Amino acid sequence: MKTCNYRIGIGYDIHKFTVKRKLILGGVKIPFSKGLDGHSDADVLLHSICDAMLGAAGMEDIGHQFPNTDLKYKNISSLILLKIIGNN
């Protein structure tokens, strides 16, 4: 009998709403009076996908890969983070 080797990753992300940011979900700007507070663009949809991909690859989460202490990730688009993860 042939066996299948596969890995599963689960991702989730949460951020508080704030009036100082634009709301971005899945890389799309959503017209709303508040956005999500975070170091990058705080796109919870793409952050969840990134975490799921990292988990399936056996890697540490998005916070470890792109720490909020590194200014090069300040306000970065999560589409860029997803691309970096997808290329590894």
PDB file of N, CA and C in Angstrom:
ATOM      1  N   MET A   1       0.828  -1.162   0.000  1.00  0.00           N
ATOM      2  CA  MET A   1       0.000   0.000   0.000  1.00  0.00           C
ATOM      3  C   MET A   1       0.889   1.246   0.000  1.00  0.00           C
ATOM      4  N   LYS A   2       0.532   2.204  -0.828  1.00  0.00           N
ATOM      5  CA  LYS A   2       1.274   3.454  -0.934  1.00  0.00           C
ATOM      6  C   LYS A   2       0.805   4.421   0.158  1.00  0.00           C
ATOM      7  N   THR A   3       1.761   5.032   0.831  1.00  0.00           N
ATOM      8  CA  THR A   3       1.409   6.020   1.851  1.00  0.00           C
ATOM      9  C   THR A   3       1.671   7.419   1.318  1.00  0.00           C
ATOM     10  N   CYS A   4       0.909   8.370   1.820  1.00  0.00           N
ATOM     11  CA  CYS A   4       1.078   9.767   1.435  1.00  0.00           C
ATOM     12  C   CYS A   4       1.748  10.519   2.580  1.00  0.00           C
ATOM     13  N   ASN A   5       2.724  11.305   2.227  1.00  0.00           N
ATOM     14  CA  ASN A   5       3.360  12.175   3.206  1.00  0.00           C
ATOM     15  C   ASN A   5       2.879  13.591   2.948  1.00  0.00           C
ATOM     16  N   TYR A   6       2.253  14.172   3.926  1.00  0.00           N
ATOM     17  CA  TYR A   6       1.797  15.539   3.783  1.00  0.00           C
ATOM     18  C   TYR A   6       1.884  16.234   5.134  1.00  0.00           C
ATOM     19  N   ARG A   7       1.903  17.543   5.078  1.00  0.00           N
ATOM     20  CA  ARG A   7       1.960  18.357   6.281  1.00  0.00           C
ATOM     21  C   ARG A   7       0.803  19.349   6.253  1.00  0.00           C
ATOM     22  N   ILE A   8       0.330  19.672   7.406  1.00  0.00           N
ATOM     23  CA  ILE A   8      -0.772  20.618   7.538  1.00  0.00           C
ATOM     24  C   ILE A   8      -0.315  21.776   8.410  1.00  0.00           C
ATOM     25  N   GLY A   9      -0.679  22.972   8.012  1.00  0.00           N
ATOM     26  CA  GLY A   9      -0.391  24.144   8.820  1.00  0.00           C
ATOM     27  C   GLY A   9      -1.676  24.873   9.167  1.00  0.00           C
ATOM     28  N   ILE A  10      -1.732  25.375  10.375  1.00  0.00           N
ATOM     29  CA  ILE A  10      -2.888  26.142  10.822  1.00  0.00           C
ATOM     30  C   ILE A  10      -2.407  27.542  11.170  1.00  0.00           C
ATOM     31  N   GLY A  11      -3.108  28.543  10.689  1.00  0.00           N
ATOM     32  CA  GLY A  11      -2.714  29.912  10.984  1.00  0.00           C
ATOM     33  C   GLY A  11      -3.888  30.752  11.436  1.00  0.00           C
ATOM     34  N   TYR A  12      -3.612  31.645  12.356  1.00  0.00           N
ATOM     35  CA  TYR A  12      -4.608  32.637  12.759  1.00  0.00           C
ATOM     36  C   TYR A  12      -3.874  33.907  13.167  1.00  0.00           C
ATOM     37  N   ASP A  13      -4.572  35.021  13.151  1.00  0.00           N
ATOM     38  CA  ASP A  13      -3.952  36.285  13.523  1.00  0.00           C
ATOM     39  C   ASP A  13      -5.038  37.228  14.014  1.00  0.00           C
ATOM     40  N   ILE A  14      -4.700  38.040  14.987  1.00  0.00           N
ATOM     41  CA  ILE A  14      -5.636  39.040  15.493  1.00  0.00           C
ATOM     42  C   ILE A  14      -4.901  40.359  15.703  1.00  0.00           C
ATOM     43  N   HIS A  15      -5.592  41.439  15.452  1.00  0.00           N
ATOM     44  CA  HIS A  15      -5.093  42.788  15.713  1.00  0.00           C
ATOM     45  C   HIS A  15      -6.270  43.635  16.171  1.00  0.00           C
ATOM     46  N   LYS A  16      -6.012  44.601  17.007  1.00  0.00           N
ATOM     47  CA  LYS A  16      -7.048  45.532  17.450  1.00  0.00           C
ATOM     48  C   LYS A  16      -7.322  46.564  16.354  1.00  0.00           C
ATOM     49  N   PHE A  17      -8.558  47.047  16.312  1.00  0.00           N
ATOM     50  CA  PHE A  17      -8.889  48.144  15.417  1.00  0.00           C
ATOM     51  C   PHE A  17      -8.310  49.450  15.955  1.00  0.00           C
ATOM     52  N   THR A  18      -7.956  50.340  15.037  1.00  0.00           N
ATOM     53  CA  THR A  18      -7.480  51.666  15.390  1.00  0.00           C
ATOM     54  C   THR A  18      -7.947  52.652  14.328  1.00  0.00           C
ATOM     55  N   VAL A  19      -8.074  53.906  14.698  1.00  0.00           N
ATOM     56  CA  VAL A  19      -8.523  54.921  13.742  1.00  0.00           C
ATOM     57  C   VAL A  19      -7.352  55.457  12.919  1.00  0.00           C
ATOM     58  N   LYS A  20      -6.151  55.072  13.239  1.00  0.00           N
ATOM     59  CA  LYS A  20      -4.968  55.634  12.590  1.00  0.00           C
ATOM     60  C   LYS A  20      -4.485  54.843  11.377  1.00  0.00           C
ATOM     61  N   ARG A  21      -5.187  53.795  10.984  1.00  0.00           N
ATOM     62  CA  ARG A  21      -4.720  52.935   9.900  1.00  0.00           C
ATOM     63  C   ARG A  21      -5.808  52.650   8.890  1.00  0.00           C
ATOM     64  N   LYS A  22      -5.398  52.226   7.699  1.00  0.00           N
ATOM     65  CA  LYS A  22      -6.332  51.747   6.687  1.00  0.00           C
ATOM     66  C   LYS A  22      -6.581  50.264   6.943  1.00  0.00           C
ATOM     67  N   LEU A  23      -7.774  49.801   6.613  1.00  0.00           N
ATOM     68  CA  LEU A  23      -8.119  48.392   6.758  1.00  0.00           C
ATOM     69  C   LEU A  23      -7.711  47.661   5.484  1.00  0.00           C
ATOM     70  N   ILE A  24      -6.826  46.690   5.637  1.00  0.00           N
ATOM     71  CA  ILE A  24      -6.347  45.900   4.503  1.00  0.00           C
ATOM     72  C   ILE A  24      -6.584  44.432   4.819  1.00  0.00           C
ATOM     73  N   LEU A  25      -7.296  43.747   3.933  1.00  0.00           N
ATOM     74  CA  LEU A  25      -7.568  42.316   4.078  1.00  0.00           C
ATOM     75  C   LEU A  25      -7.277  41.624   2.754  1.00  0.00           C
ATOM     76  N   GLY A  26      -6.389  40.665   2.782  1.00  0.00           N
ATOM     77  CA  GLY A  26      -6.026  39.956   1.560  1.00  0.00           C
ATOM     78  C   GLY A  26      -5.318  40.844   0.560  1.00  0.00           C
ATOM     79  N   GLY A  27      -4.659  41.883   1.051  1.00  0.00           N
ATOM     80  CA  GLY A  27      -3.953  42.809   0.174  1.00  0.00           C
ATOM     81  C   GLY A  27      -4.839  43.872  -0.446  1.00  0.00           C
ATOM     82  N   VAL A  28      -6.112  43.893  -0.071  1.00  0.00           N
ATOM     83  CA  VAL A  28      -7.083  44.831  -0.638  1.00  0.00           C
ATOM     84  C   VAL A  28      -7.470  45.866   0.421  1.00  0.00           C
ATOM     85  N   LYS A  29      -7.441  47.148   0.043  1.00  0.00           N
ATOM     86  CA  LYS A  29      -7.892  48.205   0.948  1.00  0.00           C
ATOM     87  C   LYS A  29      -9.410  48.184   1.009  1.00  0.00           C
ATOM     88  N   ILE A  30      -9.927  48.053   2.208  1.00  0.00           N
ATOM     89  CA  ILE A  30     -11.369  47.995   2.438  1.00  0.00           C
ATOM     90  C   ILE A  30     -11.829  49.353   2.953  1.00  0.00           C
ATOM     91  N   PRO A  31     -12.818  49.973   2.324  1.00  0.00           N
ATOM     92  CA  PRO A  31     -13.292  51.267   2.813  1.00  0.00           C
ATOM     93  C   PRO A  31     -13.979  51.106   4.171  1.00  0.00           C
ATOM     94  N   PHE A  32     -13.338  51.620   5.207  1.00  0.00           N
ATOM     95  CA  PHE A  32     -13.861  51.547   6.564  1.00  0.00           C
ATOM     96  C   PHE A  32     -13.189  52.640   7.379  1.00  0.00           C
ATOM     97  N   SER A  33     -13.827  53.080   8.415  1.00  0.00           N
ATOM     98  CA  SER A  33     -13.302  54.194   9.212  1.00  0.00           C
ATOM     99  C   SER A  33     -12.129  53.799  10.106  1.00  0.00           C
ATOM    100  N   LYS A  34     -11.896  52.497  10.272  1.00  0.00           N
ATOM    101  CA  LYS A  34     -10.795  52.025  11.118  1.00  0.00           C
ATOM    102  C   LYS A  34      -9.969  51.003  10.349  1.00  0.00           C
ATOM    103  N   GLY A  35      -8.746  50.819  10.826  1.00  0.00           N
ATOM    104  CA  GLY A  35      -7.882  49.781  10.292  1.00  0.00           C
ATOM    105  C   GLY A  35      -7.391  48.924  11.435  1.00  0.00           C
ATOM    106  N   LEU A  36      -6.441  48.064  11.153  1.00  0.00           N
ATOM    107  CA  LEU A  36      -5.900  47.173  12.173  1.00  0.00           C
ATOM    108  C   LEU A  36      -4.522  47.641  12.599  1.00  0.00           C
ATOM    109  N   ASP A  37      -4.299  47.641  13.888  1.00  0.00           N
ATOM    110  CA  ASP A  37      -3.048  48.105  14.475  1.00  0.00           C
ATOM    111  C   ASP A  37      -2.007  47.000  14.397  1.00  0.00           C
ATOM    112  N   GLY A  38      -0.829  47.336  13.905  1.00  0.00           N
ATOM    113  CA  GLY A  38       0.245  46.357  13.836  1.00  0.00           C
ATOM    114  C   GLY A  38       1.511  46.962  13.287  1.00  0.00           C
ATOM    115  N   HIS A  39       2.587  46.193  13.347  1.00  0.00           N
ATOM    116  CA  HIS A  39       3.886  46.668  12.878  1.00  0.00           C
ATOM    117  C   HIS A  39       3.927  46.732  11.351  1.00  0.00           C
ATOM    118  N   SER A  40       3.413  45.691  10.704  1.00  0.00           N
ATOM    119  CA  SER A  40       3.323  45.702   9.235  1.00  0.00           C
ATOM    120  C   SER A  40       1.983  46.345   8.879  1.00  0.00           C
ATOM    121  N   ASP A  41       1.371  45.939   7.783  1.00  0.00           N
ATOM    122  CA  ASP A  41       0.052  46.481   7.425  1.00  0.00           C
ATOM    123  C   ASP A  41      -1.078  45.829   8.223  1.00  0.00           C
ATOM    124  N   ALA A  42      -0.745  44.839   9.060  1.00  0.00           N
ATOM    125  CA  ALA A  42      -1.692  44.155   9.958  1.00  0.00           C
ATOM    126  C   ALA A  42      -2.794  43.413   9.206  1.00  0.00           C
ATOM    127  N   ASP A  43      -2.500  42.909   8.035  1.00  0.00           N
ATOM    128  CA  ASP A  43      -3.455  42.168   7.215  1.00  0.00           C
ATOM    129  C   ASP A  43      -3.650  40.776   7.823  1.00  0.00           C
ATOM    130  N   VAL A  44      -4.702  40.622   8.628  1.00  0.00           N
ATOM    131  CA  VAL A  44      -4.897  39.372   9.364  1.00  0.00           C
ATOM    132  C   VAL A  44      -5.152  38.179   8.442  1.00  0.00           C
ATOM    133  N   LEU A  45      -5.745  38.392   7.294  1.00  0.00           N
ATOM    134  CA  LEU A  45      -5.982  37.292   6.362  1.00  0.00           C
ATOM    135  C   LEU A  45      -4.661  36.742   5.836  1.00  0.00           C
ATOM    136  N   LEU A  46      -3.806  37.633   5.329  1.00  0.00           N
ATOM    137  CA  LEU A  46      -2.529  37.172   4.794  1.00  0.00           C
ATOM    138  C   LEU A  46      -1.596  36.671   5.892  1.00  0.00           C
ATOM    139  N   HIS A  47      -1.668  37.262   7.086  1.00  0.00           N
ATOM    140  CA  HIS A  47      -0.847  36.765   8.193  1.00  0.00           C
ATOM    141  C   HIS A  47      -1.245  35.337   8.559  1.00  0.00           C
ATOM    142  N   SER A  48      -2.537  35.052   8.523  1.00  0.00           N
ATOM    143  CA  SER A  48      -3.009  33.693   8.808  1.00  0.00           C
ATOM    144  C   SER A  48      -2.519  32.704   7.765  1.00  0.00           C
ATOM    145  N   ILE A  49      -2.549  33.105   6.514  1.00  0.00           N
ATOM    146  CA  ILE A  49      -2.054  32.240   5.433  1.00  0.00           C
ATOM    147  C   ILE A  49      -0.554  32.025   5.598  1.00  0.00           C
ATOM    148  N   CYS A  50       0.188  33.087   5.906  1.00  0.00           N
ATOM    149  CA  CYS A  50       1.636  32.967   6.132  1.00  0.00           C
ATOM    150  C   CYS A  50       1.921  31.990   7.264  1.00  0.00           C
ATOM    151  N   ASP A  51       1.204  32.120   8.389  1.00  0.00           N
ATOM    152  CA  ASP A  51       1.418  31.225   9.517  1.00  0.00           C
ATOM    153  C   ASP A  51       1.084  29.781   9.169  1.00  0.00           C
ATOM    154  N   ALA A  52       0.046  29.564   8.387  1.00  0.00           N
ATOM    155  CA  ALA A  52      -0.310  28.203   7.971  1.00  0.00           C
ATOM    156  C   ALA A  52       0.789  27.607   7.092  1.00  0.00           C
ATOM    157  N   MET A  53       1.308  28.391   6.177  1.00  0.00           N
ATOM    158  CA  MET A  53       2.384  27.910   5.300  1.00  0.00           C
ATOM    159  C   MET A  53       3.648  27.617   6.110  1.00  0.00           C
ATOM    160  N   LEU A  54       3.993  28.511   7.029  1.00  0.00           N
ATOM    161  CA  LEU A  54       5.172  28.307   7.867  1.00  0.00           C
ATOM    162  C   LEU A  54       5.013  27.069   8.739  1.00  0.00           C
ATOM    163  N   GLY A  55       3.825  26.885   9.305  1.00  0.00           N
ATOM    164  CA  GLY A  55       3.569  25.712  10.134  1.00  0.00           C
ATOM    165  C   GLY A  55       3.682  24.425   9.336  1.00  0.00           C
ATOM    166  N   ALA A  56       3.148  24.418   8.125  1.00  0.00           N
ATOM    167  CA  ALA A  56       3.230  23.226   7.274  1.00  0.00           C
ATOM    168  C   ALA A  56       4.667  22.912   6.889  1.00  0.00           C
ATOM    169  N   ALA A  57       5.491  23.955   6.825  1.00  0.00           N
ATOM    170  CA  ALA A  57       6.905  23.764   6.488  1.00  0.00           C
ATOM    171  C   ALA A  57       7.749  23.441   7.718  1.00  0.00           C
ATOM    172  N   GLY A  58       7.112  23.422   8.895  1.00  0.00           N
ATOM    173  CA  GLY A  58       7.844  23.125  10.122  1.00  0.00           C
ATOM    174  C   GLY A  58       8.699  24.286  10.606  1.00  0.00           C
ATOM    175  N   MET A  59       8.326  25.487  10.201  1.00  0.00           N
ATOM    176  CA  MET A  59       9.086  26.683  10.575  1.00  0.00           C
ATOM    177  C   MET A  59       8.351  27.456  11.665  1.00  0.00           C
ATOM    178  N   GLU A  60       9.074  28.383  12.302  1.00  0.00           N
ATOM    179  CA  GLU A  60       8.455  29.215  13.330  1.00  0.00           C
ATOM    180  C   GLU A  60       7.527  30.242  12.695  1.00  0.00           C
ATOM    181  N   ASP A  61       6.661  30.832  13.506  1.00  0.00           N
ATOM    182  CA  ASP A  61       5.581  31.684  13.009  1.00  0.00           C
ATOM    183  C   ASP A  61       6.057  33.009  12.420  1.00  0.00           C
ATOM    184  N   ILE A  62       5.104  33.756  11.884  1.00  0.00           N
ATOM    185  CA  ILE A  62       5.388  35.011  11.189  1.00  0.00           C
ATOM    186  C   ILE A  62       6.067  36.034  12.105  1.00  0.00           C
ATOM    187  N   GLY A  63       5.709  36.032  13.385  1.00  0.00           N
ATOM    188  CA  GLY A  63       6.329  36.954  14.327  1.00  0.00           C
ATOM    189  C   GLY A  63       7.811  36.692  14.519  1.00  0.00           C
ATOM    190  N   HIS A  64       8.204  35.431  14.397  1.00  0.00           N
ATOM    191  CA  HIS A  64       9.616  35.075  14.490  1.00  0.00           C
ATOM    192  C   HIS A  64      10.351  35.405  13.191  1.00  0.00           C
ATOM    193  N   GLN A  65       9.709  35.136  12.067  1.00  0.00           N
ATOM    194  CA  GLN A  65      10.334  35.363  10.762  1.00  0.00           C
ATOM    195  C   GLN A  65      10.497  36.850  10.455  1.00  0.00           C
ATOM    196  N   PHE A  66       9.511  37.655  10.860  1.00  0.00           N
ATOM    197  CA  PHE A  66       9.500  39.088  10.573  1.00  0.00           C
ATOM    198  C   PHE A  66       9.211  39.847  11.874  1.00  0.00           C
ATOM    199  N   PRO A  67      10.175  39.936  12.770  1.00  0.00           N
ATOM    200  CA  PRO A  67       9.922  40.512  14.104  1.00  0.00           C
ATOM    201  C   PRO A  67       9.560  41.996  14.065  1.00  0.00           C
ATOM    202  N   ASN A  68       8.707  42.390  15.010  1.00  0.00           N
ATOM    203  CA  ASN A  68       8.292  43.795  15.071  1.00  0.00           C
ATOM    204  C   ASN A  68       9.390  44.698  15.631  1.00  0.00           C
ATOM    205  N   THR A  69      10.511  44.128  15.971  1.00  0.00           N
ATOM    206  CA  THR A  69      11.665  44.914  16.412  1.00  0.00           C
ATOM    207  C   THR A  69      12.551  45.315  15.240  1.00  0.00           C
ATOM    208  N   ASP A  70      12.264  44.801  14.053  1.00  0.00           N
ATOM    209  CA  ASP A  70      13.054  45.098  12.856  1.00  0.00           C
ATOM    210  C   ASP A  70      12.332  46.157  12.028  1.00  0.00           C
ATOM    211  N   LEU A  71      12.922  47.330  11.946  1.00  0.00           N
ATOM    212  CA  LEU A  71      12.276  48.452  11.254  1.00  0.00           C
ATOM    213  C   LEU A  71      12.067  48.224   9.760  1.00  0.00           C
ATOM    214  N   LYS A  72      12.799  47.278   9.158  1.00  0.00           N
ATOM    215  CA  LYS A  72      12.584  47.059   7.722  1.00  0.00           C
ATOM    216  C   LYS A  72      11.217  46.450   7.431  1.00  0.00           C
ATOM    217  N   TYR A  73      10.535  45.945   8.460  1.00  0.00           N
ATOM    218  CA  TYR A  73       9.195  45.392   8.279  1.00  0.00           C
ATOM    219  C   TYR A  73       8.098  46.358   8.721  1.00  0.00           C
ATOM    220  N   LYS A  74       8.466  47.560   9.145  1.00  0.00           N
ATOM    221  CA  LYS A  74       7.489  48.555   9.575  1.00  0.00           C
ATOM    222  C   LYS A  74       6.615  48.956   8.383  1.00  0.00           C
ATOM    223  N   ASN A  75       5.312  48.775   8.518  1.00  0.00           N
ATOM    224  CA  ASN A  75       4.306  49.114   7.497  1.00  0.00           C
ATOM    225  C   ASN A  75       4.464  48.354   6.190  1.00  0.00           C
ATOM    226  N   ILE A  76       5.218  47.259   6.187  1.00  0.00           N
ATOM    227  CA  ILE A  76       5.418  46.472   4.958  1.00  0.00           C
ATOM    228  C   ILE A  76       4.094  45.811   4.547  1.00  0.00           C
ATOM    229  N   SER A  77       3.895  45.684   3.264  1.00  0.00           N
ATOM    230  CA  SER A  77       2.724  44.981   2.747  1.00  0.00           C
ATOM    231  C   SER A  77       2.854  43.490   3.053  1.00  0.00           C
ATOM    232  N   SER A  78       1.789  42.906   3.545  1.00  0.00           N
ATOM    233  CA  SER A  78       1.800  41.470   3.826  1.00  0.00           C
ATOM    234  C   SER A  78       1.876  40.650   2.551  1.00  0.00           C
ATOM    235  N   LEU A  79       1.557  41.246   1.415  1.00  0.00           N
ATOM    236  CA  LEU A  79       1.757  40.554   0.132  1.00  0.00           C
ATOM    237  C   LEU A  79       3.247  40.255  -0.077  1.00  0.00           C
ATOM    238  N   ILE A  80       4.097  41.174   0.364  1.00  0.00           N
ATOM    239  CA  ILE A  80       5.547  40.966   0.263  1.00  0.00           C
ATOM    240  C   ILE A  80       5.987  39.860   1.203  1.00  0.00           C
ATOM    241  N   LEU A  81       5.455  39.848   2.424  1.00  0.00           N
ATOM    242  CA  LEU A  81       5.793  38.792   3.370  1.00  0.00           C
ATOM    243  C   LEU A  81       5.373  37.425   2.833  1.00  0.00           C
ATOM    244  N   LEU A  82       4.177  37.366   2.273  1.00  0.00           N
ATOM    245  CA  LEU A  82       3.682  36.105   1.686  1.00  0.00           C
ATOM    246  C   LEU A  82       4.584  35.647   0.544  1.00  0.00           C
ATOM    247  N   LYS A  83       5.030  36.573  -0.272  1.00  0.00           N
ATOM    248  CA  LYS A  83       5.926  36.229  -1.385  1.00  0.00           C
ATOM    249  C   LYS A  83       7.250  35.688  -0.865  1.00  0.00           C
ATOM    250  N   ILE A  84       7.792  36.309   0.169  1.00  0.00           N
ATOM    251  CA  ILE A  84       9.064  35.835   0.754  1.00  0.00           C
ATOM    252  C   ILE A  84       8.888  34.421   1.287  1.00  0.00           C
ATOM    253  N   ILE A  85       7.812  34.175   2.012  1.00  0.00           N
ATOM    254  CA  ILE A  85       7.571  32.841   2.563  1.00  0.00           C
ATOM    255  C   ILE A  85       7.368  31.825   1.449  1.00  0.00           C
ATOM    256  N   GLY A  86       6.629  32.192   0.419  1.00  0.00           N
ATOM    257  CA  GLY A  86       6.373  31.286  -0.695  1.00  0.00           C
ATOM    258  C   GLY A  86       7.613  30.931  -1.487  1.00  0.00           C
ATOM    259  N   ASN A  87       8.600  31.804  -1.476  1.00  0.00           N
ATOM    260  CA  ASN A  87       9.843  31.547  -2.218  1.00  0.00           C
ATOM    261  C   ASN A  87      10.849  30.737  -1.414  1.00  0.00           C
ATOM    262  N   ASN A  88      10.564  30.475  -0.155  1.00  0.00           N
ATOM    263  CA  ASN A  88      11.505  29.678   0.670  1.00  0.00           C
ATOM    264  C   ASN A  88      11.117  28.239   0.723  1.00  0.00           C
TER     265      ASN A  88
END
